[in-house]
Structure formats: structure tokens, C-alpha cells
């Protein structure tokens, strides 16, 4: 991907759109369209086919959650969606991640963080560190509600892949997974890619969500598990 990312900004605040456009443009990132509500965003995605959409949650006519669902349903060559929110645990963010968004940013993000986020998701990586996503998932799965994604069948995964998924959901990076499991980092990346492919997931963010919603990881479990990782995915009892 040698060409700069092509970005669509969807936000009902003119100052936010203008500020983001200037920041992105200064870093060589092309803003191909702007939208003031979700309906305009869906239309603009179809017309301009951006690589990344910066999507506000709260907008008139159609909010960012519904717009994200429509953008990421069905069509091939879908863009990556980054959710913009004022609060770090906005109640809509979990549903947006479940709908396929690749992460979220606070609106007070620094210019460096904004441009790095756009470039990160454009390459296919998830924006959020799994530890951040995990806290978000814990908060909303604890409450329950109607925003959960359908449970995925984990039977397609090998025991090693289940183990990798469980550790990934606890917040371990690829390097940390490699050290814990005594594997090369390239091998870990292969396991993660296979997990995503088998479960039909877009990125690590959705993998963390699935690990909680299927019960592979329970809400309230510690961030790290004891041992060297060889105990396997069945060892899910909360530790003191």
C-alpha cells in the first residue's frame, strides 16, 4: 500500500471535520469526502470508496452506529471504520465494534495519534490495544443487553488456536504471545490470521469480543494468566 490512505470524515460538527481534514492533509492523507450525518456517510462511501471512515457516533438523521452497520454489511472492498467519540466508554462504542468497526478514537486525539490511527487500520490492523477493548467489552457484557453479536462456533479452532485466542483476549500483543507460548512471532501472526479467517472476523477487536461472548474468557478474569501458557484454553478459572 504505497498510496496514501483515502479518508471520509463523518461528523456533524464543522470544526471537527475542518480540524481533522487539516491534520490529515498536513500528513499527506487525502480526505475524499465529508458528511454531516450517517445517511450522507453511507452515500459518500458508495460514491468515493475511501479506505478509512472517521465516524462520529452521535449525528442527526442517522447515527454513526447505523451508518457503520450499513457500510460494513455485504459489499466487497469495505472501508475500515474508526468510531469517534467524546467519552472513552460511550455506550454506543461496543455495538459499533460488534458491527465491524476497527476501533475508536476520542475527539481530543493528538494529530500524531490521528494520522497513525488512519494508517494503522488502513493496513488491516485493529486500532485498539486488546487491553483497551477488553475493558470496554467487560463493561457492556456485564450489563447484557441487545447489542451482543451472535455467538460464534469455536469448534473450528484447534486447541492451539483456542489458546492463542484466549491470551489475545486478555490483552497480550503478538510479541507477548510469542514469549508466553515459546513461538516465533511470525507463527503467532499466522495463528491469529487463521483464527480471524475461521471465525469470519475482521480484526483483533472482534476476536476479543467473540472470546467474551462465547464464554472462552469470563468477565472478571485477571488480565494475565499464571503459568507459561501451556495449560491450554480449558484453564479458565479466575485466579486470585
Protein backbone atom coordinates (compact mmCIF):
# COMPACT_ATOMS: atom_id res chain seq x y z
CA UNK A 1 0.00 0.00 0.00
CA UNK A 2 2.24 2.75 -1.27
CA UNK A 3 -0.53 5.27 -1.97
CA UNK A 4 -1.67 7.47 0.95
CA UNK A 5 -4.96 6.45 2.61
CA UNK A 6 -8.18 7.97 1.29
CA UNK A 7 -10.39 9.12 4.17
CA UNK A 8 -14.02 10.12 4.66
CA UNK A 9 -14.88 12.23 7.74
CA UNK A 10 -18.43 11.92 9.11
CA UNK A 11 -19.22 14.38 11.91
CA UNK A 12 -21.98 16.94 12.39
CA UNK A 13 -19.56 19.50 13.83
CA UNK A 14 -17.91 21.67 11.19
CA UNK A 15 -14.93 22.48 13.40
CA UNK A 16 -14.20 18.79 13.99
CA UNK A 17 -14.32 17.99 10.27
CA UNK A 18 -12.18 21.01 9.37
CA UNK A 19 -9.61 20.29 12.05
CA UNK A 20 -9.29 16.63 11.10
CA UNK A 21 -9.07 17.46 7.40
CA UNK A 22 -6.23 19.92 8.03
CA UNK A 23 -4.35 17.47 10.25
CA UNK A 24 -4.68 14.62 7.78
CA UNK A 25 -3.80 16.80 4.80
CA UNK A 26 -0.65 18.04 6.51
CA UNK A 27 0.47 14.42 6.77
CA UNK A 28 -0.25 13.65 3.12
CA UNK A 29 -3.52 11.83 3.76
CA UNK A 30 -6.29 12.65 1.29
CA UNK A 31 -9.77 13.48 2.62
CA UNK A 32 -12.04 12.45 -0.28
CA UNK A 33 -15.38 13.42 1.29
CA UNK A 34 -17.14 14.79 4.35
CA UNK A 35 -20.58 14.00 5.77
CA UNK A 36 -22.72 15.69 8.43
CA UNK A 37 -24.83 12.63 9.27
CA UNK A 38 -24.87 8.87 8.86
CA UNK A 39 -27.03 8.86 5.74
CA UNK A 40 -24.60 11.18 3.97
CA UNK A 41 -21.73 9.00 5.12
CA UNK A 42 -23.28 5.85 3.62
CA UNK A 43 -23.87 7.69 0.34
CA UNK A 44 -20.38 9.18 0.27
CA UNK A 45 -18.76 5.77 0.88
CA UNK A 46 -20.57 4.36 -2.13
CA UNK A 47 -19.50 7.30 -4.31
CA UNK A 48 -15.89 7.78 -3.22
CA UNK A 49 -14.84 4.32 -1.91
CA UNK A 50 -12.49 5.57 0.83
CA UNK A 51 -10.00 3.35 2.60
CA UNK A 52 -10.91 4.65 6.07
CA UNK A 53 -14.00 6.32 7.55
CA UNK A 54 -13.76 8.51 10.65
CA UNK A 55 -17.30 8.12 12.02
CA UNK A 56 -18.90 10.19 14.78
CA UNK A 57 -21.34 8.25 16.94
CA UNK A 58 -23.96 10.91 17.64
CA UNK A 59 -25.27 12.57 14.48
CA UNK A 60 -28.73 13.65 13.29
CA UNK A 61 -30.97 11.67 10.88
CA UNK A 62 -28.84 8.53 11.08
CA UNK A 63 -26.31 7.94 13.83
CA UNK A 64 -22.83 6.56 13.30
CA UNK A 65 -23.76 3.12 14.59
CA UNK A 66 -26.42 2.51 11.95
CA UNK A 67 -24.20 4.04 9.29
CA UNK A 68 -21.37 1.69 10.28
CA UNK A 69 -23.68 -1.33 10.02
CA UNK A 70 -24.82 -0.31 6.55
CA UNK A 71 -21.34 0.45 5.30
CA UNK A 72 -19.88 -2.81 6.56
CA UNK A 73 -22.72 -5.13 5.52
CA UNK A 74 -22.47 -7.10 2.35
CA UNK A 75 -20.40 -5.12 -0.12
CA UNK A 76 -16.88 -6.15 -1.03
CA UNK A 77 -13.99 -3.77 -0.62
CA UNK A 78 -15.40 -2.27 2.56
CA UNK A 79 -13.50 0.59 4.20
CA UNK A 80 -12.18 0.44 7.72
CA UNK A 81 -14.29 2.41 10.18
CA UNK A 82 -12.86 4.29 13.16
CA UNK A 83 -15.51 5.45 15.63
CA UNK A 84 -15.13 8.98 17.01
CA UNK A 85 -16.50 9.61 20.49
CA UNK A 86 -16.29 12.26 23.20
CA UNK A 87 -16.22 9.76 26.04
CA UNK A 88 -13.93 6.76 26.25
CA UNK A 89 -16.74 4.39 27.27
CA UNK A 90 -19.57 5.77 25.15
CA UNK A 91 -22.43 3.28 25.37
CA UNK A 92 -22.60 3.02 21.59
CA UNK A 93 -18.99 2.05 21.04
CA UNK A 94 -19.34 -1.63 21.95
CA UNK A 95 -22.17 -2.07 19.45
CA UNK A 96 -20.13 -0.28 16.79
CA UNK A 97 -17.19 -2.61 17.36
CA UNK A 98 -19.54 -5.58 17.15
CA UNK A 99 -20.84 -4.20 13.86
CA UNK A 100 -17.33 -4.34 12.44
CA UNK A 101 -15.65 -1.05 13.32
CA UNK A 102 -11.89 -1.38 13.64
CA UNK A 103 -11.56 0.72 16.77
CA UNK A 104 -12.34 4.08 18.28
CA UNK A 105 -10.70 7.41 18.98
CA UNK A 106 -11.52 10.18 21.41
CA UNK A 107 -12.17 13.51 19.73
CA UNK A 108 -9.35 15.13 21.69
CA UNK A 109 -6.85 12.83 19.95
CA UNK A 110 -3.49 14.38 19.12
CA UNK A 111 -2.58 14.99 15.46
CA UNK A 112 0.08 12.27 15.66
CA UNK A 113 -2.40 9.75 17.09
CA UNK A 114 -4.99 10.60 14.45
CA UNK A 115 -2.70 10.10 11.47
CA UNK A 116 -1.16 6.98 12.99
CA UNK A 117 -4.65 5.53 13.59
CA UNK A 118 -5.70 6.06 9.98
CA UNK A 119 -2.53 4.43 8.66
CA UNK A 120 -2.82 1.55 11.13
CA UNK A 121 -6.36 0.49 10.25
CA UNK A 122 -5.74 1.02 6.54
CA UNK A 123 -3.19 -1.82 6.66
CA UNK A 124 -5.80 -4.14 8.19
CA UNK A 125 -4.74 -3.93 11.83
CA UNK A 126 -7.14 -3.12 14.64
CA UNK A 127 -6.70 0.31 16.14
CA UNK A 128 -7.33 -0.58 19.76
CA UNK A 129 -4.90 -2.36 22.00
CA UNK A 130 -6.73 -5.53 23.06
CA UNK A 131 -6.45 -4.47 26.72
CA UNK A 132 -8.50 -1.33 25.99
CA UNK A 133 -11.06 -3.30 24.03
CA UNK A 134 -11.25 -5.85 26.83
CA UNK A 135 -12.26 -3.20 29.38
CA UNK A 136 -14.93 -1.95 27.02
CA UNK A 137 -16.26 -5.46 26.38
CA UNK A 138 -16.26 -6.27 30.09
CA UNK A 139 -18.33 -3.22 30.91
CA UNK A 140 -21.06 -3.94 28.39
CA UNK A 141 -21.16 -7.74 28.52
CA UNK A 142 -21.55 -7.43 32.28
CA UNK A 143 -24.67 -5.34 31.67
CA UNK A 144 -26.03 -7.62 28.97
CA UNK A 145 -28.48 -6.05 26.58
CA UNK A 146 -29.35 -6.36 22.93
CA UNK A 147 -26.05 -5.24 21.38
CA UNK A 148 -24.25 -8.57 21.51
CA UNK A 149 -23.14 -10.26 18.33
CA UNK A 150 -24.28 -13.85 17.67
CA UNK A 151 -22.08 -16.41 19.35
CA UNK A 152 -19.54 -17.95 17.03
CA UNK A 153 -18.80 -21.68 16.94
CA UNK A 154 -15.27 -22.10 18.26
CA UNK A 155 -15.21 -25.79 17.29
CA UNK A 156 -13.43 -24.86 14.06
CA UNK A 157 -10.36 -23.77 16.05
CA UNK A 158 -7.52 -26.08 17.01
CA UNK A 159 -6.52 -26.32 20.68
CA UNK A 160 -3.53 -24.05 19.99
CA UNK A 161 -5.74 -21.51 18.24
CA UNK A 162 -8.15 -21.52 21.18
CA UNK A 163 -5.20 -20.90 23.47
CA UNK A 164 -3.98 -18.02 21.31
CA UNK A 165 -7.49 -16.51 21.20
CA UNK A 166 -7.81 -16.71 24.97
CA UNK A 167 -4.49 -14.98 25.54
CA UNK A 168 -5.18 -12.40 22.85
CA UNK A 169 -8.44 -11.54 24.60
CA UNK A 170 -6.55 -10.98 27.84
CA UNK A 171 -4.62 -8.23 26.12
CA UNK A 172 -1.36 -9.85 25.03
CA UNK A 173 0.37 -8.43 21.97
CA UNK A 174 1.87 -10.67 19.29
CA UNK A 175 5.30 -10.31 20.89
CA UNK A 176 3.91 -11.21 24.33
CA UNK A 177 2.02 -14.17 22.88
CA UNK A 178 5.21 -15.40 21.23
CA UNK A 179 7.12 -15.19 24.52
CA UNK A 180 4.35 -16.86 26.52
CA UNK A 181 3.90 -19.73 24.07
CA UNK A 182 7.58 -20.08 23.12
CA UNK A 183 6.80 -19.46 19.46
CA UNK A 184 8.22 -17.23 16.76
CA UNK A 185 6.25 -14.01 16.34
CA UNK A 186 5.61 -14.91 12.71
CA UNK A 187 3.99 -18.16 13.88
CA UNK A 188 1.77 -16.22 16.26
CA UNK A 189 0.71 -13.92 13.43
CA UNK A 190 -0.20 -16.99 11.37
CA UNK A 191 -2.31 -18.37 14.23
CA UNK A 192 -4.10 -15.02 14.64
CA UNK A 193 -4.77 -14.79 10.90
CA UNK A 194 -6.22 -18.31 10.86
CA UNK A 195 -8.45 -17.54 13.86
CA UNK A 196 -9.84 -14.47 12.13
CA UNK A 197 -10.39 -16.36 8.89
CA UNK A 198 -12.10 -19.36 10.53
CA UNK A 199 -14.44 -17.19 12.60
CA UNK A 200 -15.13 -14.71 9.83
CA UNK A 201 -13.75 -11.78 11.82
CA UNK A 202 -12.29 -8.53 10.51
CA UNK A 203 -9.63 -7.94 13.16
CA UNK A 204 -8.41 -8.50 16.73
CA UNK A 205 -11.07 -6.21 18.18
CA UNK A 206 -13.83 -8.56 17.07
CA UNK A 207 -11.78 -11.54 18.24
CA UNK A 208 -11.71 -10.11 21.77
CA UNK A 209 -15.48 -9.57 21.66
CA UNK A 210 -16.09 -13.14 20.48
CA UNK A 211 -13.83 -14.56 23.22
CA UNK A 212 -16.05 -12.94 25.86
CA UNK A 213 -19.39 -13.58 24.21
CA UNK A 214 -18.72 -17.29 23.70
CA UNK A 215 -17.55 -17.71 27.29
CA UNK A 216 -13.97 -18.58 26.33
CA UNK A 217 -13.00 -15.73 28.65
CA UNK A 218 -15.21 -14.74 31.57
CA UNK A 219 -15.88 -11.21 32.73
CA UNK A 220 -13.83 -10.54 35.84
CA UNK A 221 -10.94 -12.82 34.97
CA UNK A 222 -7.50 -11.35 35.66
CA UNK A 223 -5.61 -9.62 32.88
CA UNK A 224 -2.84 -12.20 32.87
CA UNK A 225 -2.98 -15.94 33.47
CA UNK A 226 -0.45 -17.79 35.54
CA UNK A 227 1.93 -20.33 34.11
CA UNK A 228 3.68 -20.34 30.77
CA UNK A 229 0.60 -20.63 28.59
CA UNK A 230 0.90 -24.37 28.07
CA UNK A 231 -2.05 -25.22 30.32
CA UNK A 232 -4.43 -24.72 27.40
CA UNK A 233 -7.67 -22.90 26.84
CA UNK A 234 -9.68 -25.07 29.22
CA UNK A 235 -7.94 -23.42 32.20
CA UNK A 236 -10.37 -20.52 32.58
CA UNK A 237 -10.98 -20.44 36.33
CA UNK A 238 -10.45 -16.95 37.77
CA UNK A 239 -7.26 -16.74 39.76
CA UNK A 240 -6.71 -14.63 42.89
